[in-house]
Amino acid sequence: MKATLEHNERIAQMTFASVYPHYIAKVEKKGRTKEELHQVIEWLTGFEKDNLRKLINEKTTFEHFFEKATLNPNAKQITGVICGYRIEEIDNDLTRNVRYLDKLVDELAKGKAMEKILRK
């Protein structure tokens, strides 16, 4: 499945603040914690809790969110299908980065061990 230009643009303009509460709800519903979610986000992006709060308050788009992020070099190890897309086949960098985050949140919610989620 190939992402369209419109799809990529929609993701770029979506705010992290609009998705973040869904991430929290998803992981907490499955017995994981907000702190574990923050650990996963920090591993992928380099953003600590205070940075996240600022980005949420500023209603930062995913485009700017990932422009400011320092992507973990091991992120390329994140593979598989998320939202109908095979992550390793996504050619748009921003869309792939957002799907990396989605995949990590899914793995956390599914009870995967933190060491495996963080590709240690």
C-alpha atoms as a PDB file:
ATOM      1  CA  MET A   1       0.000   0.000   0.000  1.00  0.00           C
ATOM      2  CA  LYS A   2       1.491   3.331  -1.064  1.00  0.00           C
ATOM      3  CA  ALA A   3       0.670   6.481   0.884  1.00  0.00           C
ATOM      4  CA  THR A   4      -0.740   9.289  -1.255  1.00  0.00           C
ATOM      5  CA  LEU A   5       0.485  12.862  -1.219  1.00  0.00           C
ATOM      6  CA  GLU A   6      -2.783  13.879   0.478  1.00  0.00           C
ATOM      7  CA  HIS A   7      -2.290  11.234   3.164  1.00  0.00           C
ATOM      8  CA  ASN A   8       1.260  12.410   3.846  1.00  0.00           C
ATOM      9  CA  GLU A   9       0.135  16.049   4.009  1.00  0.00           C
ATOM     10  CA  ARG A  10      -2.700  15.196   6.413  1.00  0.00           C
ATOM     11  CA  ILE A  11      -0.214  13.481   8.733  1.00  0.00           C
ATOM     12  CA  ALA A  12       2.207  16.421   8.499  1.00  0.00           C
ATOM     13  CA  GLN A  13      -0.484  18.893   9.595  1.00  0.00           C
ATOM     14  CA  MET A  14      -1.912  16.721  12.386  1.00  0.00           C
ATOM     15  CA  THR A  15      -0.857  17.935  15.828  1.00  0.00           C
ATOM     16  CA  PHE A  16       0.931  15.724  18.290  1.00  0.00           C
ATOM     17  CA  ALA A  17      -1.415  17.127  20.965  1.00  0.00           C
ATOM     18  CA  SER A  18      -4.443  15.704  19.133  1.00  0.00           C
ATOM     19  CA  VAL A  19      -3.005  12.165  19.101  1.00  0.00           C
ATOM     20  CA  TYR A  20      -1.218  12.082  22.452  1.00  0.00           C
ATOM     21  CA  PRO A  21      -4.389  11.525  24.581  1.00  0.00           C
ATOM     22  CA  HIS A  22      -5.241   8.536  22.363  1.00  0.00           C
ATOM     23  CA  TYR A  23      -1.777   7.085  22.965  1.00  0.00           C
ATOM     24  CA  ILE A  24      -2.260   7.435  26.730  1.00  0.00           C
ATOM     25  CA  ALA A  25      -5.736   5.892  26.642  1.00  0.00           C
ATOM     26  CA  LYS A  26      -4.537   2.991  24.512  1.00  0.00           C
ATOM     27  CA  VAL A  27      -1.631   2.017  26.742  1.00  0.00           C
ATOM     28  CA  GLU A  28      -3.436   2.603  30.045  1.00  0.00           C
ATOM     29  CA  LYS A  29      -6.412   0.545  28.890  1.00  0.00           C
ATOM     30  CA  LYS A  30      -3.997  -2.350  28.459  1.00  0.00           C
ATOM     31  CA  GLY A  31      -2.364  -1.898  31.875  1.00  0.00           C
ATOM     32  CA  ARG A  32       0.707   0.062  30.831  1.00  0.00           C
ATOM     33  CA  THR A  33       1.625   3.474  32.236  1.00  0.00           C
ATOM     34  CA  LYS A  34       2.010   7.011  30.999  1.00  0.00           C
ATOM     35  CA  GLU A  35       5.620   6.857  32.208  1.00  0.00           C
ATOM     36  CA  GLU A  36       6.272   3.847  29.977  1.00  0.00           C
ATOM     37  CA  LEU A  37       4.723   5.743  27.066  1.00  0.00           C
ATOM     38  CA  HIS A  38       7.046   8.677  27.772  1.00  0.00           C
ATOM     39  CA  GLN A  39      10.008   6.299  27.871  1.00  0.00           C
ATOM     40  CA  VAL A  40       9.069   4.956  24.433  1.00  0.00           C
ATOM     41  CA  ILE A  41       8.576   8.458  22.994  1.00  0.00           C
ATOM     42  CA  GLU A  42      11.876   9.633  24.465  1.00  0.00           C
ATOM     43  CA  TRP A  43      13.700   6.611  23.032  1.00  0.00           C
ATOM     44  CA  LEU A  44      12.378   7.342  19.533  1.00  0.00           C
ATOM     45  CA  THR A  45      12.565  11.158  19.521  1.00  0.00           C
ATOM     46  CA  GLY A  46      14.910  12.258  22.300  1.00  0.00           C
ATOM     47  CA  PHE A  47      12.111  14.378  23.842  1.00  0.00           C
ATOM     48  CA  GLU A  48      11.960  14.276  27.626  1.00  0.00           C
ATOM     49  CA  LYS A  49       8.747  14.857  29.571  1.00  0.00           C
ATOM     50  CA  ASP A  50       9.181  18.663  29.774  1.00  0.00           C
ATOM     51  CA  ASN A  51       9.880  18.881  26.030  1.00  0.00           C
ATOM     52  CA  LEU A  52       6.726  16.861  25.323  1.00  0.00           C
ATOM     53  CA  ARG A  53       4.605  19.099  27.533  1.00  0.00           C
ATOM     54  CA  LYS A  54       5.896  22.171  25.675  1.00  0.00           C
ATOM     55  CA  LEU A  55       5.236  20.616  22.254  1.00  0.00           C
ATOM     56  CA  ILE A  56       1.722  19.639  23.343  1.00  0.00           C
ATOM     57  CA  ASN A  57       0.982  23.127  24.687  1.00  0.00           C
ATOM     58  CA  GLU A  58       2.261  24.683  21.445  1.00  0.00           C
ATOM     59  CA  LYS A  59       0.034  22.320  19.431  1.00  0.00           C
ATOM     60  CA  THR A  60       3.052  21.323  17.358  1.00  0.00           C
ATOM     61  CA  THR A  61       2.310  19.541  14.093  1.00  0.00           C
ATOM     62  CA  PHE A  62       3.885  16.169  13.451  1.00  0.00           C
ATOM     63  CA  GLU A  63       5.970  17.870  10.760  1.00  0.00           C
ATOM     64  CA  HIS A  64       7.574  20.228  13.302  1.00  0.00           C
ATOM     65  CA  PHE A  65       7.584  17.550  16.009  1.00  0.00           C
ATOM     66  CA  PHE A  66       9.849  15.307  13.949  1.00  0.00           C
ATOM     67  CA  GLU A  67      11.897  18.246  12.608  1.00  0.00           C
ATOM     68  CA  LYS A  68      12.833  19.000  16.228  1.00  0.00           C
ATOM     69  CA  ALA A  69      13.327  15.339  17.184  1.00  0.00           C
ATOM     70  CA  THR A  70      16.600  13.465  17.256  1.00  0.00           C
ATOM     71  CA  LEU A  71      15.456  10.158  15.838  1.00  0.00           C
ATOM     72  CA  ASN A  72      17.025   7.123  17.479  1.00  0.00           C
ATOM     73  CA  PRO A  73      19.451   5.459  15.047  1.00  0.00           C
ATOM     74  CA  ASN A  74      17.887   2.074  15.891  1.00  0.00           C
ATOM     75  CA  ALA A  75      14.457   3.253  14.701  1.00  0.00           C
ATOM     76  CA  LYS A  76      15.125   1.525  11.378  1.00  0.00           C
ATOM     77  CA  GLN A  77      14.755  -1.762  13.266  1.00  0.00           C
ATOM     78  CA  ILE A  78      11.047  -1.011  13.710  1.00  0.00           C
ATOM     79  CA  THR A  79       9.308  -3.092  11.078  1.00  0.00           C
ATOM     80  CA  GLY A  80       5.921  -4.596  10.414  1.00  0.00           C
ATOM     81  CA  VAL A  81       2.472  -3.386   9.470  1.00  0.00           C
ATOM     82  CA  ILE A  82       0.695  -0.478  11.117  1.00  0.00           C
ATOM     83  CA  CYS A  83      -2.529   1.151   9.880  1.00  0.00           C
ATOM     84  CA  GLY A  84      -2.353  -0.981   6.753  1.00  0.00           C
ATOM     85  CA  TYR A  85       1.154   0.150   5.807  1.00  0.00           C
ATOM     86  CA  ARG A  86       4.365  -1.886   5.925  1.00  0.00           C
ATOM     87  CA  ILE A  87       6.634   0.538   7.781  1.00  0.00           C
ATOM     88  CA  GLU A  88       9.832  -0.381   5.981  1.00  0.00           C
ATOM     89  CA  GLU A  89       8.169   0.362   2.608  1.00  0.00           C
ATOM     90  CA  ILE A  90       6.969   3.887   3.459  1.00  0.00           C
ATOM     91  CA  ASP A  91       8.987   6.266   1.307  1.00  0.00           C
ATOM     92  CA  ASN A  92       7.977   9.537   2.994  1.00  0.00           C
ATOM     93  CA  ASP A  93      10.306  10.137   5.978  1.00  0.00           C
ATOM     94  CA  LEU A  94       7.740  11.991   8.091  1.00  0.00           C
ATOM     95  CA  THR A  95       4.979   9.438   7.544  1.00  0.00           C
ATOM     96  CA  ARG A  96       7.424   6.628   8.337  1.00  0.00           C
ATOM     97  CA  ASN A  97       8.490   8.385  11.568  1.00  0.00           C
ATOM     98  CA  VAL A  98       4.869   8.817  12.669  1.00  0.00           C
ATOM     99  CA  ARG A  99       4.227   5.133  11.912  1.00  0.00           C
ATOM    100  CA  TYR A 100       7.334   4.215  13.933  1.00  0.00           C
ATOM    101  CA  LEU A 101       5.736   5.986  16.892  1.00  0.00           C
ATOM    102  CA  ASP A 102       2.368   4.314  16.247  1.00  0.00           C
ATOM    103  CA  LYS A 103       4.047   0.897  16.101  1.00  0.00           C
ATOM    104  CA  LEU A 104       5.919   1.460  19.370  1.00  0.00           C
ATOM    105  CA  VAL A 105       2.691   2.519  21.095  1.00  0.00           C
ATOM    106  CA  ASP A 106       0.963  -0.604  19.744  1.00  0.00           C
ATOM    107  CA  GLU A 107       3.781  -2.827  20.996  1.00  0.00           C
ATOM    108  CA  LEU A 108       3.601  -1.196  24.427  1.00  0.00           C
ATOM    109  CA  ALA A 109      -0.174  -1.675  24.563  1.00  0.00           C
ATOM    110  CA  LYS A 110       0.172  -5.312  23.514  1.00  0.00           C
ATOM    111  CA  GLY A 111       2.404  -6.008  26.514  1.00  0.00           C
ATOM    112  CA  LYS A 112       5.696  -6.430  24.692  1.00  0.00           C
ATOM    113  CA  ALA A 113       8.746  -6.217  26.958  1.00  0.00           C
ATOM    114  CA  MET A 114      10.290  -2.759  27.131  1.00  0.00           C
ATOM    115  CA  GLU A 115      13.730  -4.111  26.135  1.00  0.00           C
ATOM    116  CA  LYS A 116      12.247  -5.407  22.888  1.00  0.00           C
ATOM    117  CA  ILE A 117      10.232  -2.263  22.200  1.00  0.00           C
ATOM    118  CA  LEU A 118      13.359  -0.138  22.622  1.00  0.00           C
ATOM    119  CA  ARG A 119      15.328  -2.438  20.318  1.00  0.00           C
ATOM    120  CA  LYS A 120      18.095  -3.048  22.844  1.00  0.00           C
END
